[in-house]
Amino acid sequence: MTPAEFRERLAIPAIVAPMFLVSGPDLVVECCKAGLAGTFPALNQRTSEGFEEWLEEIQERLGPDDAPYGVNLIVHKSNPRVQADLELCVKHKVPFIITSLGAVSELVEAVHSYGGMVFHDVTTVRHAQKAAEAGVDGLIAVAAGAGGHAGKMSPFALTSEIREFFDGILILSGAMSHGRQIAAAEVMGADYGYLGSHFIPAHESMAVDEQKQMMTELTMKDITYTDKVTGVGANFMTPSLNAASLEHAPGEMSLNEEAKAWKTIWSAGHGVGATKSSRSAKELSEELIAQYREAKEKFCAG
């Protein structure tokens, strides 16, 4: 798939981010059918066998006119499944792969072998430069205010500095919860907006009911940025953070221990204030599409 073909299959330039313990087949499929690119982390399935079952289910439920879907792979020595899961992605020709914690040229070559694309998460310019050298098709600039593991840089500065050396696909992440923000990302020099937290309360989300309810009650002041959970800076919902007790120091957790922590310490970005209720992914997507188109019309008219 070429970058142009990828864009043509989307209603608006928006990718729904892969959220740990939240994104599954139902959320992915409904977003794709509505015209947004849906994604999920491979590690949301406990085994590679279960991961393959999800791939087969998603492919059976999506048609050629739906938006493409993607899979997030953690490319780090702490993930013993990365090679097996990559091989399954190649086998099933997953349209695009989102890599985190490591940009590896061999992985990029494997995905390119069947015509897929690779987008890589970055929080700093240095990380962006290393990923560009690895040959990725796109960079996801995770700016200040994003949910999950996030950077601390201004989206204005981060996109500007990345564009000085990278002319591939640039995807901007950070507190997006409205269609006009996706349009603003384009004006700033990005090609796509990247949003996840807004879909946590969706009917199709795998988040527990308490997590969904908390999402609808908080505002930006209720988000805490800390490295005390995993050793890497991330944004969390403060009430869930205050209620938690961690058995190990940050950075000393195994992959299973970290996954356990995320079950009760819930992540979200600064855009939580715009999330007022639990609705279907289709309704959320359609609202974003309408908002984006209205913003584009106003901008063009001006």
C-alpha atoms as a PDB file:
ATOM      1  CA  MET A   1       0.000   0.000   0.000  1.00  0.00           C
ATOM      2  CA  THR A   2       1.325   3.414  -0.949  1.00  0.00           C
ATOM      3  CA  PRO A   3       0.888   6.507   1.241  1.00  0.00           C
ATOM      4  CA  ALA A   4      -1.616   7.847  -1.273  1.00  0.00           C
ATOM      5  CA  GLU A   5      -3.654   4.626  -1.200  1.00  0.00           C
ATOM      6  CA  PHE A   6      -3.625   4.688   2.589  1.00  0.00           C
ATOM      7  CA  ARG A   7      -5.021   8.227   2.688  1.00  0.00           C
ATOM      8  CA  GLU A   8      -7.669   7.489   0.062  1.00  0.00           C
ATOM      9  CA  ARG A   9      -9.212   4.814   2.269  1.00  0.00           C
ATOM     10  CA  LEU A  10      -9.746   7.180   5.192  1.00  0.00           C
ATOM     11  CA  ALA A  11     -12.693   9.544   5.607  1.00  0.00           C
ATOM     12  CA  ILE A  12     -10.392  12.018   7.382  1.00  0.00           C
ATOM     13  CA  PRO A  13      -6.653  11.903   8.195  1.00  0.00           C
ATOM     14  CA  ALA A  14      -7.042  10.273  11.598  1.00  0.00           C
ATOM     15  CA  ILE A  15      -5.618   7.164  13.264  1.00  0.00           C
ATOM     16  CA  VAL A  16      -7.138   5.769  16.464  1.00  0.00           C
ATOM     17  CA  ALA A  17      -4.141   4.880  18.617  1.00  0.00           C
ATOM     18  CA  PRO A  18      -3.487   1.379  19.970  1.00  0.00           C
ATOM     19  CA  MET A  19      -4.319   1.463  23.677  1.00  0.00           C
ATOM     20  CA  PHE A  20      -3.017  -1.165  26.071  1.00  0.00           C
ATOM     21  CA  LEU A  21      -5.840  -3.258  27.592  1.00  0.00           C
ATOM     22  CA  VAL A  22      -8.393  -1.061  25.796  1.00  0.00           C
ATOM     23  CA  SER A  23      -8.218  -1.668  22.020  1.00  0.00           C
ATOM     24  CA  GLY A  24      -9.581  -4.930  20.612  1.00  0.00           C
ATOM     25  CA  PRO A  25     -11.253  -6.252  17.460  1.00  0.00           C
ATOM     26  CA  ASP A  26     -14.619  -4.590  18.095  1.00  0.00           C
ATOM     27  CA  LEU A  27     -13.125  -1.108  18.525  1.00  0.00           C
ATOM     28  CA  VAL A  28     -10.770  -1.577  15.560  1.00  0.00           C
ATOM     29  CA  VAL A  29     -13.496  -2.805  13.218  1.00  0.00           C
ATOM     30  CA  GLU A  30     -16.030  -0.109  14.104  1.00  0.00           C
ATOM     31  CA  CYS A  31     -13.460   2.668  13.670  1.00  0.00           C
ATOM     32  CA  CYS A  32     -12.338   1.282  10.314  1.00  0.00           C
ATOM     33  CA  LYS A  33     -15.900   0.918   9.073  1.00  0.00           C
ATOM     34  CA  ALA A  34     -16.550   4.540  10.031  1.00  0.00           C
ATOM     35  CA  GLY A  35     -13.513   5.735   8.073  1.00  0.00           C
ATOM     36  CA  LEU A  36     -10.778   6.088  10.711  1.00  0.00           C
ATOM     37  CA  ALA A  37      -7.760   3.779  10.861  1.00  0.00           C
ATOM     38  CA  GLY A  38      -8.222   1.483  13.856  1.00  0.00           C
ATOM     39  CA  THR A  39      -5.320  -0.162  15.676  1.00  0.00           C
ATOM     40  CA  PHE A  40      -4.536  -2.419  18.624  1.00  0.00           C
ATOM     41  CA  PRO A  41      -1.440  -3.624  20.505  1.00  0.00           C
ATOM     42  CA  ALA A  42      -0.431  -7.227  19.792  1.00  0.00           C
ATOM     43  CA  LEU A  43       0.127  -7.639  23.541  1.00  0.00           C
ATOM     44  CA  ASN A  44      -3.562  -7.070  24.244  1.00  0.00           C
ATOM     45  CA  GLN A  45      -3.779 -10.780  23.512  1.00  0.00           C
ATOM     46  CA  ARG A  46      -1.950 -12.916  26.056  1.00  0.00           C
ATOM     47  CA  THR A  47      -0.435 -15.258  23.452  1.00  0.00           C
ATOM     48  CA  SER A  48       0.685 -15.144  19.829  1.00  0.00           C
ATOM     49  CA  GLU A  49      -1.967 -17.772  19.074  1.00  0.00           C
ATOM     50  CA  GLY A  50      -4.647 -15.480  20.437  1.00  0.00           C
ATOM     51  CA  PHE A  51      -3.124 -12.570  18.536  1.00  0.00           C
ATOM     52  CA  GLU A  52      -3.480 -14.493  15.278  1.00  0.00           C
ATOM     53  CA  GLU A  53      -7.114 -15.231  16.086  1.00  0.00           C
ATOM     54  CA  TRP A  54      -7.730 -11.495  16.414  1.00  0.00           C
ATOM     55  CA  LEU A  55      -6.017 -10.819  13.083  1.00  0.00           C
ATOM     56  CA  GLU A  56      -8.226 -13.404  11.381  1.00  0.00           C
ATOM     57  CA  GLU A  57     -11.366 -12.008  13.002  1.00  0.00           C
ATOM     58  CA  ILE A  58     -10.586  -8.410  12.012  1.00  0.00           C
ATOM     59  CA  GLN A  59      -9.811  -9.381   8.423  1.00  0.00           C
ATOM     60  CA  GLU A  60     -13.034 -11.373   8.156  1.00  0.00           C
ATOM     61  CA  ARG A  61     -15.107  -8.442   9.407  1.00  0.00           C
ATOM     62  CA  LEU A  62     -13.500  -5.716   7.261  1.00  0.00           C
ATOM     63  CA  GLY A  63     -14.078  -5.183   3.551  1.00  0.00           C
ATOM     64  CA  PRO A  64     -12.089  -3.489   0.770  1.00  0.00           C
ATOM     65  CA  ASP A  65     -13.933  -0.194   1.233  1.00  0.00           C
ATOM     66  CA  ASP A  66     -13.162   0.067   4.947  1.00  0.00           C
ATOM     67  CA  ALA A  67     -10.217   2.001   6.343  1.00  0.00           C
ATOM     68  CA  PRO A  68      -7.000  -0.002   6.891  1.00  0.00           C
ATOM     69  CA  TYR A  69      -6.159  -1.344  10.329  1.00  0.00           C
ATOM     70  CA  GLY A  70      -2.817  -1.514  12.112  1.00  0.00           C
ATOM     71  CA  VAL A  71      -0.996  -3.385  14.864  1.00  0.00           C
ATOM     72  CA  ASN A  72       1.340  -2.017  17.531  1.00  0.00           C
ATOM     73  CA  LEU A  73       4.496  -4.057  18.224  1.00  0.00           C
ATOM     74  CA  ILE A  74       6.763  -3.367  21.205  1.00  0.00           C
ATOM     75  CA  VAL A  75      10.267  -3.735  19.776  1.00  0.00           C
ATOM     76  CA  HIS A  76      12.242  -4.195  22.965  1.00  0.00           C
ATOM     77  CA  LYS A  77      14.190  -7.008  24.625  1.00  0.00           C
ATOM     78  CA  SER A  78      11.559  -7.133  27.374  1.00  0.00           C
ATOM     79  CA  ASN A  79       9.032  -8.428  24.809  1.00  0.00           C
ATOM     80  CA  PRO A  80       9.812 -12.096  24.043  1.00  0.00           C
ATOM     81  CA  ARG A  81       6.969 -12.264  21.506  1.00  0.00           C
ATOM     82  CA  VAL A  82       8.100  -9.589  19.095  1.00  0.00           C
ATOM     83  CA  GLN A  83       9.560 -11.941  16.456  1.00  0.00           C
ATOM     84  CA  ALA A  84       6.653 -14.387  16.560  1.00  0.00           C
ATOM     85  CA  ASP A  85       4.099 -11.561  16.368  1.00  0.00           C
ATOM     86  CA  LEU A  86       5.989  -9.902  13.514  1.00  0.00           C
ATOM     87  CA  GLU A  87       5.920 -13.143  11.554  1.00  0.00           C
ATOM     88  CA  LEU A  88       2.149 -13.301  12.020  1.00  0.00           C
ATOM     89  CA  CYS A  89       1.816  -9.712  10.802  1.00  0.00           C
ATOM     90  CA  VAL A  90       3.788 -10.635   7.686  1.00  0.00           C
ATOM     91  CA  LYS A  91       1.732 -13.815   7.200  1.00  0.00           C
ATOM     92  CA  HIS A  92      -1.549 -11.899   7.373  1.00  0.00           C
ATOM     93  CA  LYS A  93      -0.204  -8.817   5.583  1.00  0.00           C
ATOM     94  CA  VAL A  94      -1.280  -6.317   8.216  1.00  0.00           C
ATOM     95  CA  PRO A  95      -1.639  -2.982   6.345  1.00  0.00           C
ATOM     96  CA  PHE A  96       0.519  -0.988   8.747  1.00  0.00           C
ATOM     97  CA  ILE A  97       2.616  -1.599  11.835  1.00  0.00           C
ATOM     98  CA  ILE A  98       3.196   0.871  14.666  1.00  0.00           C
ATOM     99  CA  THR A  99       6.479   0.216  16.445  1.00  0.00           C
ATOM    100  CA  SER A 100       7.398   1.400  19.928  1.00  0.00           C
ATOM    101  CA  LEU A 101      10.614   1.301  21.988  1.00  0.00           C
ATOM    102  CA  GLY A 102      12.859   0.486  19.057  1.00  0.00           C
ATOM    103  CA  ALA A 103      13.119   1.243  15.337  1.00  0.00           C
ATOM    104  CA  VAL A 104      14.722  -1.765  13.612  1.00  0.00           C
ATOM    105  CA  SER A 105      15.548  -1.756   9.899  1.00  0.00           C
ATOM    106  CA  GLU A 106      15.059  -5.547   9.670  1.00  0.00           C
ATOM    107  CA  LEU A 107      11.477  -5.180  10.886  1.00  0.00           C
ATOM    108  CA  VAL A 108      10.867  -2.398   8.376  1.00  0.00           C
ATOM    109  CA  GLU A 109      12.193  -4.599   5.571  1.00  0.00           C
ATOM    110  CA  ALA A 110       9.954  -7.484   6.650  1.00  0.00           C
ATOM    111  CA  VAL A 111       6.839  -5.289   6.556  1.00  0.00           C
ATOM    112  CA  HIS A 112       7.861  -3.691   3.258  1.00  0.00           C
ATOM    113  CA  SER A 113       8.256  -7.193   1.757  1.00  0.00           C
ATOM    114  CA  TYR A 114       4.481  -7.566   1.483  1.00  0.00           C
ATOM    115  CA  GLY A 115       3.655  -3.907   0.853  1.00  0.00           C
ATOM    116  CA  GLY A 116       2.900  -2.813   4.411  1.00  0.00           C
ATOM    117  CA  MET A 117       3.971   0.429   6.061  1.00  0.00           C
ATOM    118  CA  VAL A 118       5.743   1.115   9.357  1.00  0.00           C
ATOM    119  CA  PHE A 119       5.044   4.097  11.632  1.00  0.00           C
ATOM    120  CA  HIS A 120       7.225   4.633  14.693  1.00  0.00           C
ATOM    121  CA  ASP A 121       6.446   6.370  18.005  1.00  0.00           C
ATOM    122  CA  VAL A 122       8.894   9.148  18.931  1.00  0.00           C
ATOM    123  CA  THR A 123       8.949  11.633  21.786  1.00  0.00           C
ATOM    124  CA  THR A 124      12.154  13.493  20.912  1.00  0.00           C
ATOM    125  CA  VAL A 125      13.934  14.714  17.798  1.00  0.00           C
ATOM    126  CA  ARG A 126      16.819  12.338  18.474  1.00  0.00           C
ATOM    127  CA  HIS A 127      14.460   9.359  18.472  1.00  0.00           C
ATOM    128  CA  ALA A 128      12.892  10.662  15.276  1.00  0.00           C
ATOM    129  CA  GLN A 129      16.275  10.862  13.561  1.00  0.00           C
ATOM    130  CA  LYS A 130      17.160   7.284  14.531  1.00  0.00           C
ATOM    131  CA  ALA A 131      13.794   6.000  13.285  1.00  0.00           C
ATOM    132  CA  ALA A 132      14.170   7.873   9.999  1.00  0.00           C
ATOM    133  CA  GLU A 133      17.564   6.229   9.536  1.00  0.00           C
ATOM    134  CA  ALA A 134      15.912   2.822  10.010  1.00  0.00           C
ATOM    135  CA  GLY A 135      13.700   3.543   6.990  1.00  0.00           C
ATOM    136  CA  VAL A 136      10.275   3.855   8.581  1.00  0.00           C
ATOM    137  CA  ASP A 137       7.465   5.222   6.425  1.00  0.00           C
ATOM    138  CA  GLY A 138       6.110   7.508   9.091  1.00  0.00           C
ATOM    139  CA  LEU A 139       6.865   9.071  12.445  1.00  0.00           C
ATOM    140  CA  ILE A 140       4.308   9.486  15.212  1.00  0.00           C
ATOM    141  CA  ALA A 141       5.291  12.629  17.092  1.00  0.00           C
ATOM    142  CA  VAL A 142       4.017  11.953  20.606  1.00  0.00           C
ATOM    143  CA  ALA A 143       3.909  15.468  22.011  1.00  0.00           C
ATOM    144  CA  ALA A 144       2.994  16.883  25.407  1.00  0.00           C
ATOM    145  CA  GLY A 145      -0.439  15.936  26.668  1.00  0.00           C
ATOM    146  CA  ALA A 146      -0.738  12.587  24.901  1.00  0.00           C
ATOM    147  CA  GLY A 147      -2.152   9.596  26.733  1.00  0.00           C
ATOM    148  CA  GLY A 148       0.099   6.715  27.717  1.00  0.00           C
ATOM    149  CA  HIS A 149       3.853   7.072  27.357  1.00  0.00           C
ATOM    150  CA  ALA A 150       4.254  10.634  26.159  1.00  0.00           C
ATOM    151  CA  GLY A 151       6.851  13.276  25.541  1.00  0.00           C
ATOM    152  CA  LYS A 152       7.053  16.728  27.065  1.00  0.00           C
ATOM    153  CA  MET A 153       7.735  18.765  23.921  1.00  0.00           C
ATOM    154  CA  SER A 154       5.408  21.283  22.332  1.00  0.00           C
ATOM    155  CA  PRO A 155       3.645  19.883  19.252  1.00  0.00           C
ATOM    156  CA  PHE A 156       4.573  23.074  17.376  1.00  0.00           C
ATOM    157  CA  ALA A 157       8.294  22.680  17.998  1.00  0.00           C
ATOM    158  CA  LEU A 158       8.345  18.894  17.608  1.00  0.00           C
ATOM    159  CA  THR A 159       6.606  18.842  14.222  1.00  0.00           C
ATOM    160  CA  SER A 160       8.676  21.771  12.988  1.00  0.00           C
ATOM    161  CA  GLU A 161      12.035  20.243  13.892  1.00  0.00           C
ATOM    162  CA  ILE A 162      11.116  16.797  12.539  1.00  0.00           C
ATOM    163  CA  ARG A 163      10.055  18.328   9.234  1.00  0.00           C
ATOM    164  CA  GLU A 164      13.540  19.804   8.834  1.00  0.00           C
ATOM    165  CA  PHE A 165      14.943  16.337   8.043  1.00  0.00           C
ATOM    166  CA  PHE A 166      11.960  14.039   7.434  1.00  0.00           C
ATOM    167  CA  ASP A 167       9.657  14.264   4.410  1.00  0.00           C
ATOM    168  CA  GLY A 168       7.760  11.023   5.043  1.00  0.00           C
ATOM    169  CA  ILE A 169       4.417  10.612   6.762  1.00  0.00           C
ATOM    170  CA  LEU A 170       4.191  12.676   9.953  1.00  0.00           C
ATOM    171  CA  ILE A 171       1.496  11.826  12.486  1.00  0.00           C
ATOM    172  CA  LEU A 172       0.838  14.132  15.440  1.00  0.00           C
ATOM    173  CA  SER A 173      -0.298  12.876  18.838  1.00  0.00           C
ATOM    174  CA  GLY A 174      -1.203  14.870  21.914  1.00  0.00           C
ATOM    175  CA  ALA A 175      -4.553  15.725  23.553  1.00  0.00           C
ATOM    176  CA  MET A 176      -6.676  15.358  20.406  1.00  0.00           C
ATOM    177  CA  SER A 177     -10.384  14.928  21.008  1.00  0.00           C
ATOM    178  CA  HIS A 178     -12.018  17.149  18.363  1.00  0.00           C
ATOM    179  CA  GLY A 179     -12.040  17.163  14.575  1.00  0.00           C
ATOM    180  CA  ARG A 180     -10.708  20.716  14.409  1.00  0.00           C
ATOM    181  CA  GLN A 181      -7.570  19.537  16.214  1.00  0.00           C
ATOM    182  CA  ILE A 182      -6.971  16.982  13.468  1.00  0.00           C
ATOM    183  CA  ALA A 183      -7.329  19.794  10.926  1.00  0.00           C
ATOM    184  CA  ALA A 184      -4.932  21.922  12.989  1.00  0.00           C
ATOM    185  CA  ALA A 185      -2.356  19.135  12.881  1.00  0.00           C
ATOM    186  CA  GLU A 186      -2.393  19.374   9.085  1.00  0.00           C
ATOM    187  CA  VAL A 187      -1.933  23.130   9.176  1.00  0.00           C
ATOM    188  CA  MET A 188       1.080  22.614  11.463  1.00  0.00           C
ATOM    189  CA  GLY A 189       2.761  20.342   8.930  1.00  0.00           C
ATOM    190  CA  ALA A 190       1.588  16.886  10.000  1.00  0.00           C
ATOM    191  CA  ASP A 191      -0.262  14.503   7.686  1.00  0.00           C
ATOM    192  CA  TYR A 192      -2.466  12.777  10.270  1.00  0.00           C
ATOM    193  CA  GLY A 193      -3.896  13.233  13.709  1.00  0.00           C
ATOM    194  CA  TYR A 194      -3.472  10.444  16.245  1.00  0.00           C
ATOM    195  CA  LEU A 195      -5.978  10.097  19.069  1.00  0.00           C
ATOM    196  CA  GLY A 196      -6.838   7.417  21.581  1.00  0.00           C
ATOM    197  CA  SER A 197      -8.139   8.594  24.964  1.00  0.00           C
ATOM    198  CA  HIS A 198     -11.358   9.900  23.420  1.00  0.00           C
ATOM    199  CA  PHE A 199     -12.256   6.289  22.522  1.00  0.00           C
ATOM    200  CA  ILE A 200     -11.612   4.768  25.955  1.00  0.00           C
ATOM    201  CA  PRO A 201     -15.301   5.100  27.008  1.00  0.00           C
ATOM    202  CA  ALA A 202     -16.571   3.760  23.656  1.00  0.00           C
ATOM    203  CA  HIS A 203     -19.068   0.901  23.903  1.00  0.00           C
ATOM    204  CA  GLU A 204     -16.629  -1.331  21.998  1.00  0.00           C
ATOM    205  CA  SER A 205     -13.647  -0.483  24.219  1.00  0.00           C
ATOM    206  CA  MET A 206     -12.249  -3.242  26.460  1.00  0.00           C
ATOM    207  CA  ALA A 207     -11.792  -0.759  29.327  1.00  0.00           C
ATOM    208  CA  VAL A 208     -13.616  -1.699  32.521  1.00  0.00           C
ATOM    209  CA  ASP A 209     -16.764   0.226  33.426  1.00  0.00           C
ATOM    210  CA  GLU A 210     -15.064   2.131  36.259  1.00  0.00           C
ATOM    211  CA  GLN A 211     -12.357   3.315  33.881  1.00  0.00           C
ATOM    212  CA  LYS A 212     -14.909   4.446  31.314  1.00  0.00           C
ATOM    213  CA  GLN A 213     -16.887   6.321  33.947  1.00  0.00           C
ATOM    214  CA  MET A 214     -13.777   8.051  35.298  1.00  0.00           C
ATOM    215  CA  MET A 215     -12.912   9.223  31.782  1.00  0.00           C
ATOM    216  CA  THR A 216     -16.200  11.107  31.538  1.00  0.00           C
ATOM    217  CA  GLU A 217     -15.733  12.870  34.878  1.00  0.00           C
ATOM    218  CA  LEU A 218     -12.203  14.282  34.595  1.00  0.00           C
ATOM    219  CA  THR A 219     -10.615  17.362  33.093  1.00  0.00           C
ATOM    220  CA  MET A 220      -7.019  18.204  32.226  1.00  0.00           C
ATOM    221  CA  LYS A 221      -6.198  19.110  35.842  1.00  0.00           C
ATOM    222  CA  ASP A 222      -6.903  15.490  36.816  1.00  0.00           C
ATOM    223  CA  ILE A 223      -4.058  14.066  34.722  1.00  0.00           C
ATOM    224  CA  THR A 224      -0.622  13.386  36.229  1.00  0.00           C
ATOM    225  CA  TYR A 225       2.584  12.939  34.240  1.00  0.00           C
ATOM    226  CA  THR A 226       4.975  10.570  36.014  1.00  0.00           C
ATOM    227  CA  ASP A 227       7.639   7.913  35.488  1.00  0.00           C
ATOM    228  CA  LYS A 228       6.806   6.204  38.788  1.00  0.00           C
ATOM    229  CA  VAL A 229       4.719   3.466  37.166  1.00  0.00           C
ATOM    230  CA  THR A 230       7.050   2.020  34.527  1.00  0.00           C
ATOM    231  CA  GLY A 231      10.179   4.151  34.631  1.00  0.00           C
ATOM    232  CA  VAL A 232       9.105   6.014  31.488  1.00  0.00           C
ATOM    233  CA  GLY A 233       7.108   9.251  31.611  1.00  0.00           C
ATOM    234  CA  ALA A 234       3.403   8.761  30.974  1.00  0.00           C
ATOM    235  CA  ASN A 235       0.086  10.504  31.629  1.00  0.00           C
ATOM    236  CA  PHE A 236      -2.331   8.845  34.049  1.00  0.00           C
ATOM    237  CA  MET A 237      -5.716   9.627  35.548  1.00  0.00           C
ATOM    238  CA  THR A 238      -4.795  10.979  38.978  1.00  0.00           C
ATOM    239  CA  PRO A 239      -7.559   9.234  40.978  1.00  0.00           C
ATOM    240  CA  SER A 240      -6.438   5.817  39.717  1.00  0.00           C
ATOM    241  CA  LEU A 241      -2.806   6.692  40.403  1.00  0.00           C
ATOM    242  CA  ASN A 242      -3.573   7.766  43.968  1.00  0.00           C
ATOM    243  CA  ALA A 243      -5.485   4.560  44.661  1.00  0.00           C
ATOM    244  CA  ALA A 244      -2.666   2.289  43.481  1.00  0.00           C
ATOM    245  CA  SER A 245       0.206   0.698  45.348  1.00  0.00           C
ATOM    246  CA  LEU A 246       3.205  -0.494  43.335  1.00  0.00           C
ATOM    247  CA  GLU A 247       5.164  -3.501  44.556  1.00  0.00           C
ATOM    248  CA  HIS A 248       8.301  -2.730  42.565  1.00  0.00           C
ATOM    249  CA  ALA A 249      10.276   0.365  41.694  1.00  0.00           C
ATOM    250  CA  PRO A 250       9.879   1.895  38.211  1.00  0.00           C
ATOM    251  CA  GLY A 251      11.993   0.148  35.616  1.00  0.00           C
ATOM    252  CA  GLU A 252      12.284  -3.036  37.698  1.00  0.00           C
ATOM    253  CA  MET A 253       9.003  -4.549  36.587  1.00  0.00           C
ATOM    254  CA  SER A 254       8.758  -7.544  34.293  1.00  0.00           C
ATOM    255  CA  LEU A 255       6.435  -7.281  31.296  1.00  0.00           C
ATOM    256  CA  ASN A 256       3.737  -9.178  33.219  1.00  0.00           C
ATOM    257  CA  GLU A 257       4.110  -6.980  36.287  1.00  0.00           C
ATOM    258  CA  GLU A 258       3.844  -3.843  34.183  1.00  0.00           C
ATOM    259  CA  ALA A 259       0.727  -5.182  32.481  1.00  0.00           C
ATOM    260  CA  LYS A 260      -0.783  -5.836  35.928  1.00  0.00           C
ATOM    261  CA  ALA A 261      -0.072  -2.254  36.976  1.00  0.00           C
ATOM    262  CA  TRP A 262      -1.894  -0.852  33.939  1.00  0.00           C
ATOM    263  CA  LYS A 263      -5.036  -2.782  34.868  1.00  0.00           C
ATOM    264  CA  THR A 264      -5.750  -0.447  37.770  1.00  0.00           C
ATOM    265  CA  ILE A 265      -3.595   2.614  36.975  1.00  0.00           C
ATOM    266  CA  TRP A 266      -5.417   4.081  34.008  1.00  0.00           C
ATOM    267  CA  SER A 267      -3.840   6.268  31.387  1.00  0.00           C
ATOM    268  CA  ALA A 268      -5.375   9.192  29.515  1.00  0.00           C
ATOM    269  CA  GLY A 269      -4.249  12.388  27.830  1.00  0.00           C
ATOM    270  CA  HIS A 270      -4.968  16.052  28.469  1.00  0.00           C
ATOM    271  CA  GLY A 271      -8.007  15.941  26.182  1.00  0.00           C
ATOM    272  CA  VAL A 272     -10.175  14.134  28.751  1.00  0.00           C
ATOM    273  CA  GLY A 273     -12.323  17.190  29.328  1.00  0.00           C
ATOM    274  CA  ALA A 274     -13.986  16.735  25.935  1.00  0.00           C
ATOM    275  CA  THR A 275     -15.101  13.184  26.755  1.00  0.00           C
ATOM    276  CA  LYS A 276     -18.514  13.527  28.368  1.00  0.00           C
ATOM    277  CA  SER A 277     -20.239  10.167  27.895  1.00  0.00           C
ATOM    278  CA  SER A 278     -19.903   6.588  26.692  1.00  0.00           C
ATOM    279  CA  ARG A 279     -20.963   6.244  23.076  1.00  0.00           C
ATOM    280  CA  SER A 280     -20.388   3.889  20.174  1.00  0.00           C
ATOM    281  CA  ALA A 281     -17.152   4.084  18.192  1.00  0.00           C
ATOM    282  CA  LYS A 282     -19.249   4.775  15.111  1.00  0.00           C
ATOM    283  CA  GLU A 283     -20.888   7.795  16.731  1.00  0.00           C
ATOM    284  CA  LEU A 284     -17.557   9.130  17.995  1.00  0.00           C
ATOM    285  CA  SER A 285     -15.973   8.683  14.574  1.00  0.00           C
ATOM    286  CA  GLU A 286     -18.842  10.327  12.727  1.00  0.00           C
ATOM    287  CA  GLU A 287     -18.713  13.297  15.082  1.00  0.00           C
ATOM    288  CA  LEU A 288     -14.960  13.712  14.514  1.00  0.00           C
ATOM    289  CA  ILE A 289     -15.456  13.510  10.757  1.00  0.00           C
ATOM    290  CA  ALA A 290     -18.167  16.189  10.824  1.00  0.00           C
ATOM    291  CA  GLN A 291     -16.069  18.436  13.076  1.00  0.00           C
ATOM    292  CA  TYR A 292     -13.007  18.035  10.865  1.00  0.00           C
ATOM    293  CA  ARG A 293     -14.913  18.868   7.687  1.00  0.00           C
ATOM    294  CA  GLU A 294     -16.528  21.911   9.279  1.00  0.00           C
ATOM    295  CA  ALA A 295     -13.114  23.155  10.427  1.00  0.00           C
ATOM    296  CA  LYS A 296     -11.637  22.673   6.957  1.00  0.00           C
ATOM    297  CA  GLU A 297     -14.511  24.553   5.353  1.00  0.00           C
ATOM    298  CA  LYS A 298     -14.073  27.482   7.729  1.00  0.00           C
ATOM    299  CA  PHE A 299     -10.331  27.561   7.167  1.00  0.00           C
ATOM    300  CA  CYS A 300     -10.666  27.459   3.387  1.00  0.00           C
ATOM    301  CA  ALA A 301     -13.407  30.100   3.490  1.00  0.00           C
ATOM    302  CA  GLY A 302     -11.169  32.391   5.511  1.00  0.00           C
END
